[in-house]
Amino acid sequence: MIHYTDHFLDLYVRNSPALTSLRADIDEHLADCFYCRERARDLFGFYRKTEASENIPVVQSNLYATTTIES
């Protein structure tokens, strides 16, 4: 499986207009890929903590709603 780079996931988490046409594909990938989903969760959490103090826009996400058990 190919993984997204942290930079790409950062753009996704910050709801960059550059990724508007790719959001559905990224959402699908995150639903299937534990590694990328965890990296996106880390970035999402980082921005949620700093959003109030730095006014960084963060997309409302369902990253925490997905439950997957890897065996």
C-alpha atoms as a PDB file:
ATOM      1  CA  MET A   1       0.000   0.000   0.000  1.00  0.00           C
ATOM      2  CA  ILE A   2       1.263   3.485  -0.815  1.00  0.00           C
ATOM      3  CA  HIS A   3       1.188   5.979   2.055  1.00  0.00           C
ATOM      4  CA  TYR A   4       0.643   9.722   1.883  1.00  0.00           C
ATOM      5  CA  THR A   5       3.466  12.004   3.003  1.00  0.00           C
ATOM      6  CA  ASP A   6       3.124  14.055   6.176  1.00  0.00           C
ATOM      7  CA  HIS A   7       3.041  17.181   4.025  1.00  0.00           C
ATOM      8  CA  PHE A   8       0.100  15.838   2.017  1.00  0.00           C
ATOM      9  CA  LEU A   9      -1.731  14.780   5.174  1.00  0.00           C
ATOM     10  CA  ASP A  10      -1.019  18.190   6.674  1.00  0.00           C
ATOM     11  CA  LEU A  11      -2.731  19.841   3.712  1.00  0.00           C
ATOM     12  CA  TYR A  12      -5.669  17.473   4.121  1.00  0.00           C
ATOM     13  CA  VAL A  13      -6.040  18.148   7.855  1.00  0.00           C
ATOM     14  CA  ARG A  14      -5.861  21.921   7.303  1.00  0.00           C
ATOM     15  CA  ASN A  15      -8.524  21.628   4.571  1.00  0.00           C
ATOM     16  CA  SER A  16      -6.296  23.044   1.848  1.00  0.00           C
ATOM     17  CA  PRO A  17      -8.139  24.104  -1.320  1.00  0.00           C
ATOM     18  CA  ALA A  18      -5.376  22.357  -3.267  1.00  0.00           C
ATOM     19  CA  LEU A  19      -6.894  19.015  -2.247  1.00  0.00           C
ATOM     20  CA  THR A  20     -10.578  19.781  -2.780  1.00  0.00           C
ATOM     21  CA  SER A  21     -10.931  17.434  -5.739  1.00  0.00           C
ATOM     22  CA  LEU A  22      -9.084  14.638  -3.908  1.00  0.00           C
ATOM     23  CA  ARG A  23     -10.882  14.675  -0.544  1.00  0.00           C
ATOM     24  CA  ALA A  24     -13.145  11.708  -1.314  1.00  0.00           C
ATOM     25  CA  ASP A  25     -10.170   9.597  -2.409  1.00  0.00           C
ATOM     26  CA  ILE A  26      -8.191  10.599   0.677  1.00  0.00           C
ATOM     27  CA  ASP A  27     -11.143   9.796   2.946  1.00  0.00           C
ATOM     28  CA  GLU A  28     -11.389   6.357   1.348  1.00  0.00           C
ATOM     29  CA  HIS A  29      -7.665   5.758   1.751  1.00  0.00           C
ATOM     30  CA  LEU A  30      -7.752   6.814   5.409  1.00  0.00           C
ATOM     31  CA  ALA A  31     -10.606   4.412   6.059  1.00  0.00           C
ATOM     32  CA  ASP A  32      -8.420   1.541   4.807  1.00  0.00           C
ATOM     33  CA  CYS A  33      -4.914   2.601   5.854  1.00  0.00           C
ATOM     34  CA  PHE A  34      -4.099   2.452   9.548  1.00  0.00           C
ATOM     35  CA  TYR A  35      -0.702   4.161   9.127  1.00  0.00           C
ATOM     36  CA  CYS A  36      -1.994   7.224   7.263  1.00  0.00           C
ATOM     37  CA  ARG A  37      -5.066   7.466   9.498  1.00  0.00           C
ATOM     38  CA  GLU A  38      -2.861   7.556  12.609  1.00  0.00           C
ATOM     39  CA  ARG A  39      -0.550  10.187  11.085  1.00  0.00           C
ATOM     40  CA  ALA A  40      -3.586  12.301  10.143  1.00  0.00           C
ATOM     41  CA  ARG A  41      -4.962  11.888  13.685  1.00  0.00           C
ATOM     42  CA  ASP A  42      -1.634  13.064  15.106  1.00  0.00           C
ATOM     43  CA  LEU A  43      -1.641  16.132  12.874  1.00  0.00           C
ATOM     44  CA  PHE A  44      -5.307  16.806  13.601  1.00  0.00           C
ATOM     45  CA  GLY A  45      -4.618  16.635  17.332  1.00  0.00           C
ATOM     46  CA  PHE A  46      -1.633  18.947  17.013  1.00  0.00           C
ATOM     47  CA  TYR A  47      -3.642  21.577  15.162  1.00  0.00           C
ATOM     48  CA  ARG A  48      -6.617  21.254  17.522  1.00  0.00           C
ATOM     49  CA  LYS A  49      -4.270  22.095  20.414  1.00  0.00           C
ATOM     50  CA  THR A  50      -2.759  25.091  18.658  1.00  0.00           C
ATOM     51  CA  GLU A  51      -5.824  26.294  16.733  1.00  0.00           C
ATOM     52  CA  ALA A  52      -7.081  28.721  19.375  1.00  0.00           C
ATOM     53  CA  SER A  53      -3.749  30.394  19.953  1.00  0.00           C
ATOM     54  CA  GLU A  54      -2.609  30.577  16.337  1.00  0.00           C
ATOM     55  CA  ASN A  55      -5.888  30.676  14.370  1.00  0.00           C
ATOM     56  CA  ILE A  56      -4.954  27.700  12.186  1.00  0.00           C
ATOM     57  CA  PRO A  57      -7.994  26.413  10.304  1.00  0.00           C
ATOM     58  CA  VAL A  58      -8.626  22.708  10.860  1.00  0.00           C
ATOM     59  CA  VAL A  59     -11.266  20.771   8.977  1.00  0.00           C
ATOM     60  CA  GLN A  60     -13.862  19.031  11.087  1.00  0.00           C
ATOM     61  CA  SER A  61     -13.063  15.398  10.608  1.00  0.00           C
ATOM     62  CA  ASN A  62     -14.371  11.962  11.393  1.00  0.00           C
ATOM     63  CA  LEU A  63     -10.836  10.570  11.841  1.00  0.00           C
ATOM     64  CA  TYR A  64     -11.672   9.546  15.394  1.00  0.00           C
ATOM     65  CA  ALA A  65     -14.861   7.764  14.395  1.00  0.00           C
ATOM     66  CA  THR A  66     -13.137   4.968  12.490  1.00  0.00           C
ATOM     67  CA  THR A  67     -12.416   1.835  14.435  1.00  0.00           C
ATOM     68  CA  THR A  68     -10.155  -0.726  12.870  1.00  0.00           C
ATOM     69  CA  ILE A  69      -8.477  -3.633  14.563  1.00  0.00           C
ATOM     70  CA  GLU A  70      -5.254  -4.685  12.889  1.00  0.00           C
ATOM     71  CA  SER A  71      -4.241  -8.285  13.452  1.00  0.00           C
END
